[in-house]
């Protein structure tokens, strides 16, 4: 499991995907969510602006990312 470090919370889901280069752009990040390719805490997530906080687990293409606040 990889860690994604955030400095404030909450952060919108599509922004995490974009800024961590999981998606190449904000539009691609939104499309990934819209096309049901993203899980948050083991559940399918369809809200592009879902608020993500420390401790959440995002899964994309079988890769898990744990959100850590510093």
PDB file of N, CA and C in Angstrom:
ATOM      1  N   UNK A   1       0.852  -1.186   0.000  1.00  0.00           N
ATOM      2  CA  UNK A   1       0.000   0.000   0.000  1.00  0.00           C
ATOM      3  C   UNK A   1       0.893   1.243   0.000  1.00  0.00           C
ATOM      4  N   UNK A   2       0.600   2.151  -0.898  1.00  0.00           N
ATOM      5  CA  UNK A   2       1.345   3.401  -0.976  1.00  0.00           C
ATOM      6  C   UNK A   2       0.666   4.454  -0.115  1.00  0.00           C
ATOM      7  N   UNK A   3       1.460   5.414   0.352  1.00  0.00           N
ATOM      8  CA  UNK A   3       0.908   6.499   1.149  1.00  0.00           C
ATOM      9  C   UNK A   3       0.839   7.778   0.326  1.00  0.00           C
ATOM     10  N   UNK A   4      -0.232   8.518   0.532  1.00  0.00           N
ATOM     11  CA  UNK A   4      -0.378   9.851  -0.048  1.00  0.00           C
ATOM     12  C   UNK A   4      -0.421  10.823   1.120  1.00  0.00           C
ATOM     13  N   UNK A   5       0.530  11.751   1.122  1.00  0.00           N
ATOM     14  CA  UNK A   5       0.635  12.724   2.206  1.00  0.00           C
ATOM     15  C   UNK A   5      -0.184  13.965   1.847  1.00  0.00           C
ATOM     16  N   UNK A   6      -1.042  14.384   2.770  1.00  0.00           N
ATOM     17  CA  UNK A   6      -1.783  15.633   2.602  1.00  0.00           C
ATOM     18  C   UNK A   6      -1.426  16.561   3.754  1.00  0.00           C
ATOM     19  N   UNK A   7      -1.536  17.857   3.524  1.00  0.00           N
ATOM     20  CA  UNK A   7      -1.187  18.831   4.566  1.00  0.00           C
ATOM     21  C   UNK A   7      -2.407  19.521   5.153  1.00  0.00           C
ATOM     22  N   UNK A   8      -3.561  19.248   4.549  1.00  0.00           N
ATOM     23  CA  UNK A   8      -4.821  19.789   5.088  1.00  0.00           C
ATOM     24  C   UNK A   8      -5.918  18.803   4.736  1.00  0.00           C
ATOM     25  N   UNK A   9      -7.000  18.879   5.445  1.00  0.00           N
ATOM     26  CA  UNK A   9      -8.144  18.023   5.104  1.00  0.00           C
ATOM     27  C   UNK A   9      -9.417  18.795   5.338  1.00  0.00           C
ATOM     28  N   UNK A  10     -10.479  18.462   4.640  1.00  0.00           N
ATOM     29  CA  UNK A  10     -10.554  17.407   3.628  1.00  0.00           C
ATOM     30  C   UNK A  10     -10.006  17.874   2.279  1.00  0.00           C
ATOM     31  N   UNK A  11      -9.733  16.906   1.401  1.00  0.00           N
ATOM     32  CA  UNK A  11      -9.307  17.164   0.032  1.00  0.00           C
ATOM     33  C   UNK A  11     -10.276  16.420  -0.880  1.00  0.00           C
ATOM     34  N   UNK A  12     -10.674  17.060  -1.964  1.00  0.00           N
ATOM     35  CA  UNK A  12     -11.612  16.421  -2.887  1.00  0.00           C
ATOM     36  C   UNK A  12     -10.925  15.272  -3.621  1.00  0.00           C
ATOM     37  N   UNK A  13     -11.662  14.189  -3.805  1.00  0.00           N
ATOM     38  CA  UNK A  13     -11.133  12.974  -4.405  1.00  0.00           C
ATOM     39  C   UNK A  13     -10.464  13.222  -5.748  1.00  0.00           C
ATOM     40  N   UNK A  14     -11.115  13.941  -6.654  1.00  0.00           N
ATOM     41  CA  UNK A  14     -10.529  14.118  -7.984  1.00  0.00           C
ATOM     42  C   UNK A  14      -9.212  14.888  -7.921  1.00  0.00           C
ATOM     43  N   UNK A  15      -9.064  15.790  -6.945  1.00  0.00           N
ATOM     44  CA  UNK A  15      -7.819  16.548  -6.795  1.00  0.00           C
ATOM     45  C   UNK A  15      -6.681  15.644  -6.361  1.00  0.00           C
ATOM     46  N   UNK A  16      -6.956  14.698  -5.478  1.00  0.00           N
ATOM     47  CA  UNK A  16      -5.917  13.743  -5.069  1.00  0.00           C
ATOM     48  C   UNK A  16      -5.464  12.927  -6.263  1.00  0.00           C
ATOM     49  N   UNK A  17      -6.408  12.434  -7.048  1.00  0.00           N
ATOM     50  CA  UNK A  17      -6.048  11.634  -8.220  1.00  0.00           C
ATOM     51  C   UNK A  17      -5.195  12.452  -9.191  1.00  0.00           C
ATOM     52  N   UNK A  18      -5.537  13.711  -9.368  1.00  0.00           N
ATOM     53  CA  UNK A  18      -4.801  14.584 -10.294  1.00  0.00           C
ATOM     54  C   UNK A  18      -3.417  14.917  -9.746  1.00  0.00           C
ATOM     55  N   UNK A  19      -3.331  15.418  -8.538  1.00  0.00           N
ATOM     56  CA  UNK A  19      -2.062  15.900  -8.008  1.00  0.00           C
ATOM     57  C   UNK A  19      -1.080  14.782  -7.694  1.00  0.00           C
ATOM     58  N   UNK A  20      -1.562  13.573  -7.492  1.00  0.00           N
ATOM     59  CA  UNK A  20      -0.675  12.432  -7.234  1.00  0.00           C
ATOM     60  C   UNK A  20      -0.341  11.680  -8.523  1.00  0.00           C
ATOM     61  N   UNK A  21      -0.746  12.253  -9.664  1.00  0.00           N
ATOM     62  CA  UNK A  21      -0.473  11.673 -10.982  1.00  0.00           C
ATOM     63  C   UNK A  21      -1.056  10.273 -11.158  1.00  0.00           C
ATOM     64  N   UNK A  22      -2.123   9.978 -10.441  1.00  0.00           N
ATOM     65  CA  UNK A  22      -2.876   8.748 -10.680  1.00  0.00           C
ATOM     66  C   UNK A  22      -3.691   8.954 -11.958  1.00  0.00           C
ATOM     67  N   UNK A  23      -4.115  10.186 -12.171  1.00  0.00           N
ATOM     68  CA  UNK A  23      -4.763  10.616 -13.415  1.00  0.00           C
ATOM     69  C   UNK A  23      -3.909  11.747 -13.986  1.00  0.00           C
ATOM     70  N   UNK A  24      -3.860  11.860 -15.305  1.00  0.00           N
ATOM     71  CA  UNK A  24      -3.003  12.872 -15.921  1.00  0.00           C
ATOM     72  C   UNK A  24      -3.602  14.278 -15.886  1.00  0.00           C
ATOM     73  N   UNK A  25      -4.907  14.378 -15.616  1.00  0.00           N
ATOM     74  CA  UNK A  25      -5.555  15.690 -15.557  1.00  0.00           C
ATOM     75  C   UNK A  25      -6.790  15.600 -14.667  1.00  0.00           C
ATOM     76  N   UNK A  26      -7.334  16.759 -14.349  1.00  0.00           N
ATOM     77  CA  UNK A  26      -8.568  16.786 -13.569  1.00  0.00           C
ATOM     78  C   UNK A  26      -9.717  16.137 -14.320  1.00  0.00           C
ATOM     79  N   UNK A  27      -9.756  16.361 -15.640  1.00  0.00           N
ATOM     80  CA  UNK A  27     -10.806  15.755 -16.461  1.00  0.00           C
ATOM     81  C   UNK A  27     -10.712  14.245 -16.468  1.00  0.00           C
ATOM     82  N   UNK A  28      -9.479  13.733 -16.567  1.00  0.00           N
ATOM     83  CA  UNK A  28      -9.301  12.279 -16.546  1.00  0.00           C
ATOM     84  C   UNK A  28      -9.681  11.721 -15.175  1.00  0.00           C
ATOM     85  N   UNK A  29      -9.326  12.435 -14.111  1.00  0.00           N
ATOM     86  CA  UNK A  29      -9.676  11.994 -12.759  1.00  0.00           C
ATOM     87  C   UNK A  29     -11.192  11.900 -12.603  1.00  0.00           C
ATOM     88  N   UNK A  30     -11.898  12.917 -13.078  1.00  0.00           N
ATOM     89  CA  UNK A  30     -13.363  12.917 -12.988  1.00  0.00           C
ATOM     90  C   UNK A  30     -13.954  11.778 -13.809  1.00  0.00           C
ATOM     91  N   UNK A  31     -13.373  11.505 -14.985  1.00  0.00           N
ATOM     92  CA  UNK A  31     -13.855  10.410 -15.821  1.00  0.00           C
ATOM     93  C   UNK A  31     -13.622   9.062 -15.150  1.00  0.00           C
ATOM     94  N   UNK A  32     -12.484   8.896 -14.490  1.00  0.00           N
ATOM     95  CA  UNK A  32     -12.202   7.643 -13.777  1.00  0.00           C
ATOM     96  C   UNK A  32     -13.265   7.390 -12.712  1.00  0.00           C
ATOM     97  N   UNK A  33     -13.621   8.439 -11.989  1.00  0.00           N
ATOM     98  CA  UNK A  33     -14.631   8.312 -10.936  1.00  0.00           C
ATOM     99  C   UNK A  33     -15.993   8.033 -11.562  1.00  0.00           C
ATOM    100  N   UNK A  34     -16.326   8.788 -12.596  1.00  0.00           N
ATOM    101  CA  UNK A  34     -17.609   8.636 -13.281  1.00  0.00           C
ATOM    102  C   UNK A  34     -17.778   7.223 -13.863  1.00  0.00           C
ATOM    103  N   UNK A  35     -16.680   6.656 -14.363  1.00  0.00           N
ATOM    104  CA  UNK A  35     -16.712   5.323 -14.976  1.00  0.00           C
ATOM    105  C   UNK A  35     -16.570   4.195 -13.960  1.00  0.00           C
ATOM    106  N   UNK A  36     -16.695   4.547 -12.681  1.00  0.00           N
ATOM    107  CA  UNK A  36     -16.696   3.567 -11.584  1.00  0.00           C
ATOM    108  C   UNK A  36     -15.396   2.776 -11.498  1.00  0.00           C
ATOM    109  N   UNK A  37     -14.262   3.493 -11.612  1.00  0.00           N
ATOM    110  CA  UNK A  37     -12.949   2.862 -11.516  1.00  0.00           C
ATOM    111  C   UNK A  37     -12.240   3.166 -10.202  1.00  0.00           C
ATOM    112  N   UNK A  38     -12.945   3.794  -9.247  1.00  0.00           N
ATOM    113  CA  UNK A  38     -12.311   4.229  -8.008  1.00  0.00           C
ATOM    114  C   UNK A  38     -13.103   3.716  -6.808  1.00  0.00           C
ATOM    115  N   UNK A  39     -12.379   3.130  -5.855  1.00  0.00           N
ATOM    116  CA  UNK A  39     -12.974   2.711  -4.586  1.00  0.00           C
ATOM    117  C   UNK A  39     -12.428   3.596  -3.477  1.00  0.00           C
ATOM    118  N   UNK A  40     -13.266   3.938  -2.519  1.00  0.00           N
ATOM    119  CA  UNK A  40     -12.838   4.652  -1.315  1.00  0.00           C
ATOM    120  C   UNK A  40     -13.294   3.819  -0.134  1.00  0.00           C
ATOM    121  N   UNK A  41     -12.335   3.404   0.671  1.00  0.00           N
ATOM    122  CA  UNK A  41     -12.606   2.555   1.834  1.00  0.00           C
ATOM    123  C   UNK A  41     -13.374   1.292   1.440  1.00  0.00           C
ATOM    124  N   UNK A  42     -13.009   0.737   0.287  1.00  0.00           N
ATOM    125  CA  UNK A  42     -13.592  -0.524  -0.165  1.00  0.00           C
ATOM    126  C   UNK A  42     -14.927  -0.416  -0.866  1.00  0.00           C
ATOM    127  N   UNK A  43     -15.446   0.802  -1.000  1.00  0.00           N
ATOM    128  CA  UNK A  43     -16.750   1.007  -1.637  1.00  0.00           C
ATOM    129  C   UNK A  43     -16.597   1.813  -2.915  1.00  0.00           C
ATOM    130  N   UNK A  44     -17.370   1.457  -3.925  1.00  0.00           N
ATOM    131  CA  UNK A  44     -17.368   2.188  -5.183  1.00  0.00           C
ATOM    132  C   UNK A  44     -17.750   3.643  -4.925  1.00  0.00           C
ATOM    133  N   UNK A  45     -16.947   4.563  -5.438  1.00  0.00           N
ATOM    134  CA  UNK A  45     -17.213   5.985  -5.222  1.00  0.00           C
ATOM    135  C   UNK A  45     -17.527   6.666  -6.547  1.00  0.00           C
ATOM    136  N   UNK A  46     -18.652   7.385  -6.598  1.00  0.00           N
ATOM    137  CA  UNK A  46     -19.050   8.083  -7.814  1.00  0.00           C
ATOM    138  C   UNK A  46     -19.109   9.599  -7.627  1.00  0.00           C
ATOM    139  N   UNK A  47     -18.789  10.083  -6.422  1.00  0.00           N
ATOM    140  CA  UNK A  47     -18.784  11.526  -6.167  1.00  0.00           C
ATOM    141  C   UNK A  47     -17.398  12.089  -6.482  1.00  0.00           C
ATOM    142  N   UNK A  48     -17.317  12.937  -7.493  1.00  0.00           N
ATOM    143  CA  UNK A  48     -16.028  13.518  -7.886  1.00  0.00           C
ATOM    144  C   UNK A  48     -15.439  14.383  -6.774  1.00  0.00           C
ATOM    145  N   UNK A  49     -16.314  15.043  -6.052  1.00  0.00           N
ATOM    146  CA  UNK A  49     -15.863  15.959  -5.010  1.00  0.00           C
ATOM    147  C   UNK A  49     -15.975  15.349  -3.601  1.00  0.00           C
ATOM    148  N   UNK A  50     -15.971  14.038  -3.535  1.00  0.00           N
ATOM    149  CA  UNK A  50     -15.998  13.332  -2.253  1.00  0.00           C
ATOM    150  C   UNK A  50     -14.867  13.862  -1.383  1.00  0.00           C
ATOM    151  N   UNK A  51     -15.171  14.193  -0.151  1.00  0.00           N
ATOM    152  CA  UNK A  51     -14.174  14.726   0.773  1.00  0.00           C
ATOM    153  C   UNK A  51     -13.355  13.569   1.362  1.00  0.00           C
ATOM    154  N   UNK A  52     -12.057  13.627   1.133  1.00  0.00           N
ATOM    155  CA  UNK A  52     -11.135  12.591   1.591  1.00  0.00           C
ATOM    156  C   UNK A  52     -10.367  13.126   2.791  1.00  0.00           C
ATOM    157  N   UNK A  53     -10.240  12.290   3.827  1.00  0.00           N
ATOM    158  CA  UNK A  53      -9.540  12.684   5.048  1.00  0.00           C
ATOM    159  C   UNK A  53      -8.498  11.628   5.407  1.00  0.00           C
ATOM    160  N   UNK A  54      -7.654  11.961   6.352  1.00  0.00           N
ATOM    161  CA  UNK A  54      -6.611  11.049   6.814  1.00  0.00           C
ATOM    162  C   UNK A  54      -7.219   9.714   7.236  1.00  0.00           C
ATOM    163  N   UNK A  55      -6.553   8.636   6.830  1.00  0.00           N
ATOM    164  CA  UNK A  55      -7.031   7.301   7.170  1.00  0.00           C
ATOM    165  C   UNK A  55      -7.842   6.652   6.070  1.00  0.00           C
ATOM    166  N   UNK A  56      -8.349   7.455   5.116  1.00  0.00           N
ATOM    167  CA  UNK A  56      -9.098   6.886   3.995  1.00  0.00           C
ATOM    168  C   UNK A  56      -8.165   6.074   3.100  1.00  0.00           C
ATOM    169  N   UNK A  57      -8.715   5.066   2.466  1.00  0.00           N
ATOM    170  CA  UNK A  57      -7.987   4.224   1.513  1.00  0.00           C
ATOM    171  C   UNK A  57      -8.650   4.394   0.147  1.00  0.00           C
ATOM    172  N   UNK A  58      -7.857   4.829  -0.827  1.00  0.00           N
ATOM    173  CA  UNK A  58      -8.337   4.967  -2.202  1.00  0.00           C
ATOM    174  C   UNK A  58      -7.737   3.824  -3.003  1.00  0.00           C
ATOM    175  N   UNK A  59      -8.546   3.166  -3.815  1.00  0.00           N
ATOM    176  CA  UNK A  59      -8.046   2.090  -4.662  1.00  0.00           C
ATOM    177  C   UNK A  59      -8.374   2.387  -6.122  1.00  0.00           C
ATOM    178  N   UNK A  60      -7.329   2.324  -6.960  1.00  0.00           N
ATOM    179  CA  UNK A  60      -7.477   2.545  -8.403  1.00  0.00           C
ATOM    180  C   UNK A  60      -6.653   1.471  -9.101  1.00  0.00           C
ATOM    181  N   UNK A  61      -7.279   0.735 -10.007  1.00  0.00           N
ATOM    182  CA  UNK A  61      -6.587  -0.298 -10.796  1.00  0.00           C
ATOM    183  C   UNK A  61      -5.846  -1.294  -9.906  1.00  0.00           C
ATOM    184  N   UNK A  62      -6.463  -1.645  -8.788  1.00  0.00           N
ATOM    185  CA  UNK A  62      -5.879  -2.640  -7.898  1.00  0.00           C
ATOM    186  C   UNK A  62      -4.777  -2.125  -6.987  1.00  0.00           C
ATOM    187  N   UNK A  63      -4.448  -0.846  -7.082  1.00  0.00           N
ATOM    188  CA  UNK A  63      -3.415  -0.248  -6.231  1.00  0.00           C
ATOM    189  C   UNK A  63      -4.094   0.559  -5.142  1.00  0.00           C
ATOM    190  N   UNK A  64      -3.687   0.314  -3.885  1.00  0.00           N
ATOM    191  CA  UNK A  64      -4.273   1.009  -2.751  1.00  0.00           C
ATOM    192  C   UNK A  64      -3.369   2.140  -2.295  1.00  0.00           C
ATOM    193  N   UNK A  65      -3.995   3.252  -1.937  1.00  0.00           N
ATOM    194  CA  UNK A  65      -3.292   4.434  -1.440  1.00  0.00           C
ATOM    195  C   UNK A  65      -3.914   4.827  -0.109  1.00  0.00           C
ATOM    196  N   UNK A  66      -3.097   4.938   0.917  1.00  0.00           N
ATOM    197  CA  UNK A  66      -3.580   5.374   2.233  1.00  0.00           C
ATOM    198  C   UNK A  66      -3.299   6.861   2.393  1.00  0.00           C
ATOM    199  N   UNK A  67      -4.304   7.597   2.833  1.00  0.00           N
ATOM    200  CA  UNK A  67      -4.175   9.045   3.023  1.00  0.00           C
ATOM    201  C   UNK A  67      -3.631   9.317   4.421  1.00  0.00           C
ATOM    202  N   UNK A  68      -2.551  10.118   4.473  1.00  0.00           N
ATOM    203  CA  UNK A  68      -1.901  10.444   5.735  1.00  0.00           C
ATOM    204  C   UNK A  68      -1.771  11.951   5.854  1.00  0.00           C
ATOM    205  N   UNK A  69      -2.240  12.504   6.955  1.00  0.00           N
ATOM    206  CA  UNK A  69      -2.150  13.940   7.214  1.00  0.00           C
ATOM    207  C   UNK A  69      -0.880  14.237   7.995  1.00  0.00           C
ATOM    208  N   UNK A  70      -0.128  15.247   7.538  1.00  0.00           N
ATOM    209  CA  UNK A  70       1.072  15.670   8.284  1.00  0.00           C
ATOM    210  C   UNK A  70       0.940  17.119   8.692  1.00  0.00           C
TER     211      UNK A  70
END
